Amino acid sequence: IDLFGARLEQLPLIWQELIDAGFETGHAYGKSLRTVKSCVGSSWCRYG
């Protein structure tokens, strides 16, 4: 999920609320692993 347009001084406020809700950094700002994309697999798909 991309969220664009946050001002510099808003970032700590946003991060704090996300952390309090159980989220953590996704490291999309660095040269590192992004998320791991997946289909629904055997949980929901008859072909999985």
All heavy atoms as atom14 arrays in JSON, in Angstrom:
{
  "sequence": "IDLFGARLEQLPLIWQELIDAGFETGHAYGKSLRTVKSCVGSSWCRYG",
  "atom14_mask": [
    [1, 1, 1, 1, 1, 1, 1, 1, 0, 0, 0, 0, 0, 0],
    [1, 1, 1, 1, 1, 1, 1, 1, 0, 0, 0, 0, 0, 0],
    [1, 1, 1, 1, 1, 1, 1, 1, 0, 0, 0, 0, 0, 0],
    [1, 1, 1, 1, 1, 1, 1, 1, 1, 1, 1, 0, 0, 0],
    [1, 1, 1, 1, 0, 0, 0, 0, 0, 0, 0, 0, 0, 0],
    [1, 1, 1, 1, 1, 0, 0, 0, 0, 0, 0, 0, 0, 0],
    [1, 1, 1, 1, 1, 1, 1, 1, 1, 1, 1, 0, 0, 0],
    [1, 1, 1, 1, 1, 1, 1, 1, 0, 0, 0, 0, 0, 0],
    [1, 1, 1, 1, 1, 1, 1, 1, 1, 0, 0, 0, 0, 0],
    [1, 1, 1, 1, 1, 1, 1, 1, 1, 0, 0, 0, 0, 0],
    [1, 1, 1, 1, 1, 1, 1, 1, 0, 0, 0, 0, 0, 0],
    [1, 1, 1, 1, 1, 1, 1, 0, 0, 0, 0, 0, 0, 0],
    [1, 1, 1, 1, 1, 1, 1, 1, 0, 0, 0, 0, 0, 0],
    [1, 1, 1, 1, 1, 1, 1, 1, 0, 0, 0, 0, 0, 0],
    [1, 1, 1, 1, 1, 1, 1, 1, 1, 1, 1, 1, 1, 1],
    [1, 1, 1, 1, 1, 1, 1, 1, 1, 0, 0, 0, 0, 0],
    [1, 1, 1, 1, 1, 1, 1, 1, 1, 0, 0, 0, 0, 0],
    [1, 1, 1, 1, 1, 1, 1, 1, 0, 0, 0, 0, 0, 0],
    [1, 1, 1, 1, 1, 1, 1, 1, 0, 0, 0, 0, 0, 0],
    [1, 1, 1, 1, 1, 1, 1, 1, 0, 0, 0, 0, 0, 0],
    [1, 1, 1, 1, 1, 0, 0, 0, 0, 0, 0, 0, 0, 0],
    [1, 1, 1, 1, 0, 0, 0, 0, 0, 0, 0, 0, 0, 0],
    [1, 1, 1, 1, 1, 1, 1, 1, 1, 1, 1, 0, 0, 0],
    [1, 1, 1, 1, 1, 1, 1, 1, 1, 0, 0, 0, 0, 0],
    [1, 1, 1, 1, 1, 1, 1, 0, 0, 0, 0, 0, 0, 0],
    [1, 1, 1, 1, 0, 0, 0, 0, 0, 0, 0, 0, 0, 0],
    [1, 1, 1, 1, 1, 1, 1, 1, 1, 1, 0, 0, 0, 0],
    [1, 1, 1, 1, 1, 0, 0, 0, 0, 0, 0, 0, 0, 0],
    [1, 1, 1, 1, 1, 1, 1, 1, 1, 1, 1, 1, 0, 0],
    [1, 1, 1, 1, 0, 0, 0, 0, 0, 0, 0, 0, 0, 0],
    [1, 1, 1, 1, 1, 1, 1, 1, 1, 0, 0, 0, 0, 0],
    [1, 1, 1, 1, 1, 1, 0, 0, 0, 0, 0, 0, 0, 0],
    [1, 1, 1, 1, 1, 1, 1, 1, 0, 0, 0, 0, 0, 0],
    [1, 1, 1, 1, 1, 1, 1, 1, 1, 1, 1, 0, 0, 0],
    [1, 1, 1, 1, 1, 1, 1, 0, 0, 0, 0, 0, 0, 0],
    [1, 1, 1, 1, 1, 1, 1, 0, 0, 0, 0, 0, 0, 0],
    [1, 1, 1, 1, 1, 1, 1, 1, 1, 0, 0, 0, 0, 0],
    [1, 1, 1, 1, 1, 1, 0, 0, 0, 0, 0, 0, 0, 0],
    [1, 1, 1, 1, 1, 1, 0, 0, 0, 0, 0, 0, 0, 0],
    [1, 1, 1, 1, 1, 1, 1, 0, 0, 0, 0, 0, 0, 0],
    [1, 1, 1, 1, 0, 0, 0, 0, 0, 0, 0, 0, 0, 0],
    [1, 1, 1, 1, 1, 1, 0, 0, 0, 0, 0, 0, 0, 0],
    [1, 1, 1, 1, 1, 1, 0, 0, 0, 0, 0, 0, 0, 0],
    [1, 1, 1, 1, 1, 1, 1, 1, 1, 1, 1, 1, 1, 1],
    [1, 1, 1, 1, 1, 1, 0, 0, 0, 0, 0, 0, 0, 0],
    [1, 1, 1, 1, 1, 1, 1, 1, 1, 1, 1, 0, 0, 0],
    [1, 1, 1, 1, 1, 1, 1, 1, 1, 1, 1, 1, 0, 0],
    [1, 1, 1, 1, 0, 0, 0, 0, 0, 0, 0, 0, 0, 0]
  ],
  "atom14_positions": [
    [[0.86, -1.18, 0.0], [0.0, 0.0, 0.0], [0.89, 1.23, 0.0], [1.68, 1.44, 0.92], [-0.93, 0.03, 1.23], [-1.86, -1.2, 1.23], [-1.76, 1.3, 1.23], [-2.74, -1.31, 2.44], [0.0, 0.0, 0.0], [0.0, 0.0, 0.0], [0.0, 0.0, 0.0], [0.0, 0.0, 0.0], [0.0, 0.0, 0.0], [0.0, 0.0, 0.0]],
    [[0.8, 2.02, -1.05], [1.57, 3.26, -1.16], [0.77, 4.42, -0.55], [-0.42, 4.57, -0.82], [1.85, 3.6, -2.63], [3.03, 2.83, -3.17], [3.74, 2.18, -2.37], [3.26, 2.89, -4.39], [0.0, 0.0, 0.0], [0.0, 0.0, 0.0], [0.0, 0.0, 0.0], [0.0, 0.0, 0.0], [0.0, 0.0, 0.0], [0.0, 0.0, 0.0]],
    [[1.43, 5.22, 0.28], [0.84, 6.42, 0.84], [1.75, 7.59, 0.49], [2.88, 7.67, 0.99], [0.69, 6.31, 2.36], [-0.17, 5.15, 2.88], [-0.09, 5.07, 4.41], [-1.61, 5.32, 2.45], [0.0, 0.0, 0.0], [0.0, 0.0, 0.0], [0.0, 0.0, 0.0], [0.0, 0.0, 0.0], [0.0, 0.0, 0.0], [0.0, 0.0, 0.0]],
    [[1.29, 8.49, -0.36], [2.1, 9.61, -0.83], [1.6, 10.94, -0.24], [0.41, 11.11, 0.01], [2.04, 9.73, -2.36], [2.65, 8.57, -3.1], [1.85, 7.54, -3.57], [4.01, 8.51, -3.33], [2.4, 6.47, -4.27], [4.57, 7.45, -4.02], [3.76, 6.43, -4.49], [0.0, 0.0, 0.0], [0.0, 0.0, 0.0], [0.0, 0.0, 0.0]],
    [[2.52, 11.86, -0.09], [2.14, 13.23, 0.25], [2.36, 13.62, 1.69], [2.03, 14.74, 2.08], [0.0, 0.0, 0.0], [0.0, 0.0, 0.0], [0.0, 0.0, 0.0], [0.0, 0.0, 0.0], [0.0, 0.0, 0.0], [0.0, 0.0, 0.0], [0.0, 0.0, 0.0], [0.0, 0.0, 0.0], [0.0, 0.0, 0.0], [0.0, 0.0, 0.0]],
    [[2.91, 12.73, 2.52], [3.18, 13.09, 3.91], [4.31, 14.11, 3.97], [5.32, 13.98, 3.27], [3.55, 11.86, 4.72], [0.0, 0.0, 0.0], [0.0, 0.0, 0.0], [0.0, 0.0, 0.0], [0.0, 0.0, 0.0], [0.0, 0.0, 0.0], [0.0, 0.0, 0.0], [0.0, 0.0, 0.0], [0.0, 0.0, 0.0], [0.0, 0.0, 0.0]],
    [[4.14, 15.13, 4.77], [5.17, 16.13, 4.95], [6.24, 15.58, 5.89], [5.99, 14.66, 6.68], [4.57, 17.41, 5.52], [3.48, 18.02, 4.64], [2.83, 19.19, 5.33], [3.77, 20.28, 5.48], [3.89, 21.3, 4.61], [3.1, 21.35, 3.55], [4.78, 22.25, 4.8], [0.0, 0.0, 0.0], [0.0, 0.0, 0.0], [0.0, 0.0, 0.0]],
    [[7.44, 16.13, 5.8], [8.57, 15.62, 6.57], [8.25, 15.56, 8.06], [8.53, 14.56, 8.73], [9.79, 16.52, 6.33], [11.11, 16.05, 6.94], [11.55, 14.73, 6.32], [12.2, 17.11, 6.73], [0.0, 0.0, 0.0], [0.0, 0.0, 0.0], [0.0, 0.0, 0.0], [0.0, 0.0, 0.0], [0.0, 0.0, 0.0], [0.0, 0.0, 0.0]],
    [[7.66, 16.62, 8.58], [7.41, 16.67, 10.02], [6.26, 15.76, 10.45], [6.08, 15.48, 11.64], [7.1, 18.11, 10.46], [5.8, 18.69, 9.93], [5.91, 19.29, 8.54], [7.01, 19.18, 7.93], [4.92, 19.88, 8.07], [0.0, 0.0, 0.0], [0.0, 0.0, 0.0], [0.0, 0.0, 0.0], [0.0, 0.0, 0.0], [0.0, 0.0, 0.0]],
    [[5.48, 15.26, 9.47], [4.38, 14.35, 9.79], [4.84, 12.9, 9.93], [4.13, 12.08, 10.55], [3.31, 14.42, 8.7], [2.55, 15.73, 8.65], [1.57, 15.78, 7.49], [1.83, 15.22, 6.43], [0.44, 16.44, 7.7], [0.0, 0.0, 0.0], [0.0, 0.0, 0.0], [0.0, 0.0, 0.0], [0.0, 0.0, 0.0], [0.0, 0.0, 0.0]],
    [[6.0, 12.57, 9.36], [6.42, 11.17, 9.33], [6.54, 10.53, 10.72], [6.02, 9.43, 10.94], [7.75, 11.03, 8.57], [7.65, 11.27, 7.06], [9.04, 11.21, 6.43], [6.72, 10.27, 6.4], [0.0, 0.0, 0.0], [0.0, 0.0, 0.0], [0.0, 0.0, 0.0], [0.0, 0.0, 0.0], [0.0, 0.0, 0.0], [0.0, 0.0, 0.0]],
    [[7.18, 11.18, 11.7], [7.23, 10.56, 13.03], [5.84, 10.33, 13.63], [5.62, 9.31, 14.3], [8.04, 11.56, 13.86], [8.89, 12.28, 12.87], [8.02, 12.4, 11.65], [0.0, 0.0, 0.0], [0.0, 0.0, 0.0], [0.0, 0.0, 0.0], [0.0, 0.0, 0.0], [0.0, 0.0, 0.0], [0.0, 0.0, 0.0], [0.0, 0.0, 0.0]],
    [[4.91, 11.24, 13.41], [3.55, 11.09, 13.92], [2.86, 9.89, 13.27], [2.2, 9.08, 13.95], [2.74, 12.36, 13.66], [3.27, 13.65, 14.27], [2.44, 14.84, 13.81], [3.28, 13.57, 15.79], [0.0, 0.0, 0.0], [0.0, 0.0, 0.0], [0.0, 0.0, 0.0], [0.0, 0.0, 0.0], [0.0, 0.0, 0.0], [0.0, 0.0, 0.0]],
    [[3.04, 9.77, 11.96], [2.44, 8.65, 11.23], [3.06, 7.33, 11.67], [2.36, 6.34, 11.94], [2.6, 8.86, 9.71], [1.77, 10.07, 9.25], [2.19, 7.61, 8.94], [2.01, 10.47, 7.82], [0.0, 0.0, 0.0], [0.0, 0.0, 0.0], [0.0, 0.0, 0.0], [0.0, 0.0, 0.0], [0.0, 0.0, 0.0], [0.0, 0.0, 0.0]],
    [[4.39, 7.3, 11.75], [5.07, 6.07, 12.18], [4.62, 5.64, 13.57], [4.4, 4.45, 13.82], [6.59, 6.28, 12.17], [7.17, 6.45, 10.81], [6.6, 6.13, 9.61], [8.46, 6.98, 10.51], [7.45, 6.44, 8.59], [8.6, 6.95, 9.1], [9.49, 7.47, 11.28], [9.75, 7.41, 8.46], [10.64, 7.93, 10.64], [10.77, 7.89, 9.25]],
    [[4.5, 6.6, 14.48], [4.12, 6.26, 15.84], [2.74, 5.63, 15.89], [2.52, 4.62, 16.58], [4.14, 7.51, 16.72], [3.91, 7.21, 18.2], [5.04, 6.38, 18.8], [6.17, 6.84, 18.91], [4.74, 5.14, 19.19], [0.0, 0.0, 0.0], [0.0, 0.0, 0.0], [0.0, 0.0, 0.0], [0.0, 0.0, 0.0], [0.0, 0.0, 0.0]],
    [[1.81, 6.19, 15.13], [0.46, 5.63, 15.11], [0.44, 4.23, 14.49], [-0.27, 3.34, 14.96], [-0.49, 6.56, 14.36], [-0.77, 7.87, 15.09], [-1.97, 8.61, 14.52], [-3.04, 7.99, 14.42], [-1.82, 9.79, 14.16], [0.0, 0.0, 0.0], [0.0, 0.0, 0.0], [0.0, 0.0, 0.0], [0.0, 0.0, 0.0], [0.0, 0.0, 0.0]],
    [[1.22, 4.04, 13.43], [1.28, 2.73, 12.79], [1.92, 1.7, 13.72], [1.45, 0.56, 13.82], [2.05, 2.82, 11.48], [1.35, 3.56, 10.33], [2.29, 3.73, 9.15], [0.09, 2.83, 9.9], [0.0, 0.0, 0.0], [0.0, 0.0, 0.0], [0.0, 0.0, 0.0], [0.0, 0.0, 0.0], [0.0, 0.0, 0.0], [0.0, 0.0, 0.0]],
    [[2.99, 2.07, 14.4], [3.65, 1.15, 15.34], [2.7, 0.79, 16.47], [2.6, -0.37, 16.88], [4.95, 1.78, 15.88], [6.01, 1.79, 14.77], [5.47, 1.01, 17.09], [7.25, 2.57, 15.14], [0.0, 0.0, 0.0], [0.0, 0.0, 0.0], [0.0, 0.0, 0.0], [0.0, 0.0, 0.0], [0.0, 0.0, 0.0], [0.0, 0.0, 0.0]],
    [[2.0, 1.79, 17.0], [1.04, 1.53, 18.08], [-0.06, 0.58, 17.63], [-0.64, -0.14, 18.45], [0.42, 2.84, 18.57], [1.43, 3.72, 19.3], [2.49, 3.21, 19.7], [1.16, 4.93, 19.46], [0.0, 0.0, 0.0], [0.0, 0.0, 0.0], [0.0, 0.0, 0.0], [0.0, 0.0, 0.0], [0.0, 0.0, 0.0], [0.0, 0.0, 0.0]],
    [[-0.35, 0.58, 16.32], [-1.39, -0.31, 15.77], [-0.85, -1.69, 15.39], [-1.61, -2.55, 14.93], [-2.04, 0.34, 14.55], [0.0, 0.0, 0.0], [0.0, 0.0, 0.0], [0.0, 0.0, 0.0], [0.0, 0.0, 0.0], [0.0, 0.0, 0.0], [0.0, 0.0, 0.0], [0.0, 0.0, 0.0], [0.0, 0.0, 0.0], [0.0, 0.0, 0.0]],
    [[0.47, -1.89, 15.57], [1.05, -3.21, 15.3], [1.82, -3.33, 14.0], [2.28, -4.41, 13.66], [0.0, 0.0, 0.0], [0.0, 0.0, 0.0], [0.0, 0.0, 0.0], [0.0, 0.0, 0.0], [0.0, 0.0, 0.0], [0.0, 0.0, 0.0], [0.0, 0.0, 0.0], [0.0, 0.0, 0.0], [0.0, 0.0, 0.0], [0.0, 0.0, 0.0]],
    [[1.97, -2.22, 13.26], [2.75, -2.26, 12.03], [4.24, -2.07, 12.32], [4.62, -1.66, 13.41], [2.29, -1.14, 11.08], [0.93, -1.37, 10.48], [-0.21, -1.0, 11.15], [0.8, -1.94, 9.22], [-1.47, -1.2, 10.61], [-0.46, -2.14, 8.66], [-1.59, -1.77, 9.36], [0.0, 0.0, 0.0], [0.0, 0.0, 0.0], [0.0, 0.0, 0.0]],
    [[5.07, -2.38, 11.32], [6.49, -2.07, 11.4], [6.98, -1.61, 10.04], [6.3, -1.8, 9.03], [7.3, -3.27, 11.89], [7.22, -4.49, 10.99], [7.95, -5.69, 11.54], [8.38, -5.64, 12.71], [8.1, -6.67, 10.81], [0.0, 0.0, 0.0], [0.0, 0.0, 0.0], [0.0, 0.0, 0.0], [0.0, 0.0, 0.0], [0.0, 0.0, 0.0]],
    [[8.17, -1.02, 10.0], [8.69, -0.49, 8.75], [8.78, -1.57, 7.67], [9.12, -2.71, 7.95], [10.08, 0.13, 8.96], [10.62, 0.52, 7.7], [11.04, -0.85, 9.59], [0.0, 0.0, 0.0], [0.0, 0.0, 0.0], [0.0, 0.0, 0.0], [0.0, 0.0, 0.0], [0.0, 0.0, 0.0], [0.0, 0.0, 0.0], [0.0, 0.0, 0.0]],
    [[8.47, -1.16, 6.44], [8.57, -2.08, 5.32], [9.86, -1.94, 4.53], [10.07, -2.63, 3.55], [0.0, 0.0, 0.0], [0.0, 0.0, 0.0], [0.0, 0.0, 0.0], [0.0, 0.0, 0.0], [0.0, 0.0, 0.0], [0.0, 0.0, 0.0], [0.0, 0.0, 0.0], [0.0, 0.0, 0.0], [0.0, 0.0, 0.0], [0.0, 0.0, 0.0]],
    [[10.75, -1.02, 4.95], [12.08, -0.83, 4.36], [12.03, -0.48, 2.87], [13.0, -0.68, 2.15], [12.94, -2.08, 4.56], [13.15, -2.44, 6.0], [14.14, -1.86, 6.76], [12.48, -3.25, 6.84], [14.07, -2.35, 8.0], [13.07, -3.18, 8.07], [0.0, 0.0, 0.0], [0.0, 0.0, 0.0], [0.0, 0.0, 0.0], [0.0, 0.0, 0.0]],
    [[10.91, 0.07, 2.41], [10.81, 0.43, 0.99], [11.7, 1.61, 0.64], [11.92, 1.9, -0.54], [9.36, 0.74, 0.63], [0.0, 0.0, 0.0], [0.0, 0.0, 0.0], [0.0, 0.0, 0.0], [0.0, 0.0, 0.0], [0.0, 0.0, 0.0], [0.0, 0.0, 0.0], [0.0, 0.0, 0.0], [0.0, 0.0, 0.0], [0.0, 0.0, 0.0]],
    [[12.22, 2.31, 1.63], [13.11, 3.45, 1.41], [14.55, 3.01, 1.21], [15.42, 3.83, 0.9], [13.04, 4.41, 2.62], [13.11, 3.69, 3.95], [14.32, 3.26, 4.47], [11.95, 3.4, 4.65], [14.37, 2.57, 5.65], [11.99, 2.72, 5.85], [13.21, 2.31, 6.36], [13.26, 1.61, 7.53], [0.0, 0.0, 0.0], [0.0, 0.0, 0.0]],
    [[14.85, 1.74, 1.4], [16.22, 1.26, 1.3], [16.39, 0.23, 0.2], [15.42, -0.26, -0.4], [0.0, 0.0, 0.0], [0.0, 0.0, 0.0], [0.0, 0.0, 0.0], [0.0, 0.0, 0.0], [0.0, 0.0, 0.0], [0.0, 0.0, 0.0], [0.0, 0.0, 0.0], [0.0, 0.0, 0.0], [0.0, 0.0, 0.0], [0.0, 0.0, 0.0]],
    [[17.63, -0.1, -0.09], [17.92, -1.2, -1.01], [17.84, -2.49, -0.2], [18.8, -2.95, 0.4], [19.32, -1.03, -1.63], [19.47, 0.26, -2.43], [18.43, 0.37, -3.54], [18.62, 1.64, -4.36], [17.53, 1.84, -5.34], [0.0, 0.0, 0.0], [0.0, 0.0, 0.0], [0.0, 0.0, 0.0], [0.0, 0.0, 0.0], [0.0, 0.0, 0.0]],
    [[16.65, -3.04, -0.17], [16.39, -4.18, 0.69], [15.15, -4.91, 0.2], [14.59, -4.57, -0.84], [16.18, -3.7, 2.13], [15.16, -2.72, 2.19], [0.0, 0.0, 0.0], [0.0, 0.0, 0.0], [0.0, 0.0, 0.0], [0.0, 0.0, 0.0], [0.0, 0.0, 0.0], [0.0, 0.0, 0.0], [0.0, 0.0, 0.0], [0.0, 0.0, 0.0]],
    [[14.74, -5.92, 0.96], [13.56, -6.69, 0.58], [12.3, -5.85, 0.71], [12.06, -5.21, 1.73], [13.45, -7.93, 1.47], [12.17, -8.76, 1.31], [12.1, -9.38, -0.09], [12.09, -9.84, 2.37], [0.0, 0.0, 0.0], [0.0, 0.0, 0.0], [0.0, 0.0, 0.0], [0.0, 0.0, 0.0], [0.0, 0.0, 0.0], [0.0, 0.0, 0.0]],
    [[11.49, -5.85, -0.34], [10.15, -5.29, -0.25], [9.24, -6.42, 0.25], [9.69, -7.4, 0.8], [9.7, -4.78, -1.62], [10.71, -3.82, -2.27], [10.91, -2.55, -1.45], [12.06, -1.77, -1.85], [12.07, -0.86, -2.81], [11.0, -0.64, -3.53], [13.16, -0.16, -3.05], [0.0, 0.0, 0.0], [0.0, 0.0, 0.0], [0.0, 0.0, 0.0]],
    [[7.96, -6.3, 0.05], [7.08, -7.38, 0.49], [7.24, -8.61, -0.41], [7.79, -8.53, -1.5], [5.62, -6.91, 0.43], [5.36, -6.34, -0.85], [5.32, -5.9, 1.51], [0.0, 0.0, 0.0], [0.0, 0.0, 0.0], [0.0, 0.0, 0.0], [0.0, 0.0, 0.0], [0.0, 0.0, 0.0], [0.0, 0.0, 0.0], [0.0, 0.0, 0.0]],
    [[6.73, -9.73, 0.06], [6.75, -10.96, -0.71], [5.34, -11.19, -1.26], [4.39, -11.44, -0.51], [7.18, -12.16, 0.15], [7.21, -13.44, -0.7], [8.55, -11.9, 0.77], [0.0, 0.0, 0.0], [0.0, 0.0, 0.0], [0.0, 0.0, 0.0], [0.0, 0.0, 0.0], [0.0, 0.0, 0.0], [0.0, 0.0, 0.0], [0.0, 0.0, 0.0]],
    [[5.2, -11.08, -2.57], [3.9, -11.23, -3.21], [3.46, -12.69, -3.19], [4.29, -13.6, -3.29], [3.98, -10.73, -4.65], [2.66, -10.7, -5.4], [2.85, -10.07, -6.77], [1.54, -9.99, -7.54], [1.72, -9.36, -8.86], [0.0, 0.0, 0.0], [0.0, 0.0, 0.0], [0.0, 0.0, 0.0], [0.0, 0.0, 0.0], [0.0, 0.0, 0.0]],
    [[2.15, -12.91, -3.08], [1.67, -14.29, -3.03], [0.27, -14.4, -3.61], [-0.52, -13.45, -3.55], [1.64, -14.79, -1.57], [1.08, -16.08, -1.5], [0.0, 0.0, 0.0], [0.0, 0.0, 0.0], [0.0, 0.0, 0.0], [0.0, 0.0, 0.0], [0.0, 0.0, 0.0], [0.0, 0.0, 0.0], [0.0, 0.0, 0.0], [0.0, 0.0, 0.0]],
    [[-0.02, -15.56, -4.17], [-1.4, -15.9, -4.49], [-2.03, -16.51, -3.24], [-1.39, -16.58, -2.19], [-1.43, -16.9, -5.65], [-0.71, -18.51, -5.22], [0.0, 0.0, 0.0], [0.0, 0.0, 0.0], [0.0, 0.0, 0.0], [0.0, 0.0, 0.0], [0.0, 0.0, 0.0], [0.0, 0.0, 0.0], [0.0, 0.0, 0.0], [0.0, 0.0, 0.0]],
    [[-3.27, -16.99, -3.32], [-3.92, -17.55, -2.14], [-3.57, -19.02, -1.91], [-3.85, -19.58, -0.85], [-5.46, -17.39, -2.21], [-5.82, -15.93, -2.21], [-6.04, -18.09, -3.43], [0.0, 0.0, 0.0], [0.0, 0.0, 0.0], [0.0, 0.0, 0.0], [0.0, 0.0, 0.0], [0.0, 0.0, 0.0], [0.0, 0.0, 0.0], [0.0, 0.0, 0.0]],
    [[-2.95, -19.64, -2.91], [-2.46, -21.01, -2.74], [-3.53, -22.01, -2.35], [-4.71, -21.86, -2.65], [0.0, 0.0, 0.0], [0.0, 0.0, 0.0], [0.0, 0.0, 0.0], [0.0, 0.0, 0.0], [0.0, 0.0, 0.0], [0.0, 0.0, 0.0], [0.0, 0.0, 0.0], [0.0, 0.0, 0.0], [0.0, 0.0, 0.0], [0.0, 0.0, 0.0]],
    [[-3.1, -23.05, -1.64], [-4.01, -24.14, -1.28], [-5.03, -23.72, -0.25], [-6.01, -24.45, -0.02], [-3.2, -25.34, -0.77], [-2.42, -24.97, 0.35], [0.0, 0.0, 0.0], [0.0, 0.0, 0.0], [0.0, 0.0, 0.0], [0.0, 0.0, 0.0], [0.0, 0.0, 0.0], [0.0, 0.0, 0.0], [0.0, 0.0, 0.0], [0.0, 0.0, 0.0]],
    [[-4.85, -22.55, 0.37], [-5.83, -22.09, 1.36], [-7.19, -21.86, 0.72], [-8.23, -22.16, 1.32], [-5.35, -20.79, 2.02], [-4.15, -21.0, 2.73], [0.0, 0.0, 0.0], [0.0, 0.0, 0.0], [0.0, 0.0, 0.0], [0.0, 0.0, 0.0], [0.0, 0.0, 0.0], [0.0, 0.0, 0.0], [0.0, 0.0, 0.0], [0.0, 0.0, 0.0]],
    [[-7.2, -21.31, -0.51], [-8.46, -20.92, -1.12], [-8.61, -21.35, -2.58], [-9.72, -21.31, -3.11], [-8.63, -19.39, -1.05], [-8.89, -18.9, 0.33], [-7.99, -18.34, 1.19], [-10.13, -18.96, 1.04], [-8.59, -18.02, 2.39], [-9.91, -18.39, 2.33], [-11.41, -19.41, 0.72], [-10.91, -18.28, 3.28], [-12.42, -19.3, 1.67], [-12.16, -18.74, 2.94]],
    [[-7.52, -21.72, -3.22], [-7.6, -22.02, -4.66], [-7.63, -23.53, -4.89], [-6.82, -24.28, -4.33], [-6.41, -21.4, -5.38], [-6.39, -21.73, -7.16], [0.0, 0.0, 0.0], [0.0, 0.0, 0.0], [0.0, 0.0, 0.0], [0.0, 0.0, 0.0], [0.0, 0.0, 0.0], [0.0, 0.0, 0.0], [0.0, 0.0, 0.0], [0.0, 0.0, 0.0]],
    [[-8.52, -23.99, -5.77], [-8.63, -25.42, -6.04], [-7.41, -25.97, -6.76], [-7.17, -27.18, -6.78], [-9.89, -25.71, -6.86], [-9.93, -24.99, -8.2], [-11.18, -25.34, -8.99], [-11.3, -24.55, -10.2], [-12.04, -24.91, -11.23], [-12.7, -26.05, -11.21], [-12.12, -24.12, -12.29], [0.0, 0.0, 0.0], [0.0, 0.0, 0.0], [0.0, 0.0, 0.0]],
    [[-6.61, -25.09, -7.39], [-5.41, -25.54, -8.09], [-4.17, -25.55, -7.19], [-3.14, -26.11, -7.55], [-5.14, -24.65, -9.3], [-6.24, -24.68, -10.33], [-6.97, -23.54, -10.64], [-6.55, -25.86, -11.02], [-7.99, -23.55, -11.59], [-7.56, -25.9, -11.97], [-8.27, -24.74, -12.24], [-9.27, -24.77, -13.17], [0.0, 0.0, 0.0], [0.0, 0.0, 0.0]],
    [[-4.25, -24.88, -6.06], [-3.08, -24.77, -5.19], [-2.64, -26.11, -4.63], [-3.45, -26.89, -4.14], [0.0, 0.0, 0.0], [0.0, 0.0, 0.0], [0.0, 0.0, 0.0], [0.0, 0.0, 0.0], [0.0, 0.0, 0.0], [0.0, 0.0, 0.0], [0.0, 0.0, 0.0], [0.0, 0.0, 0.0], [0.0, 0.0, 0.0], [0.0, 0.0, 0.0]]
  ]
}
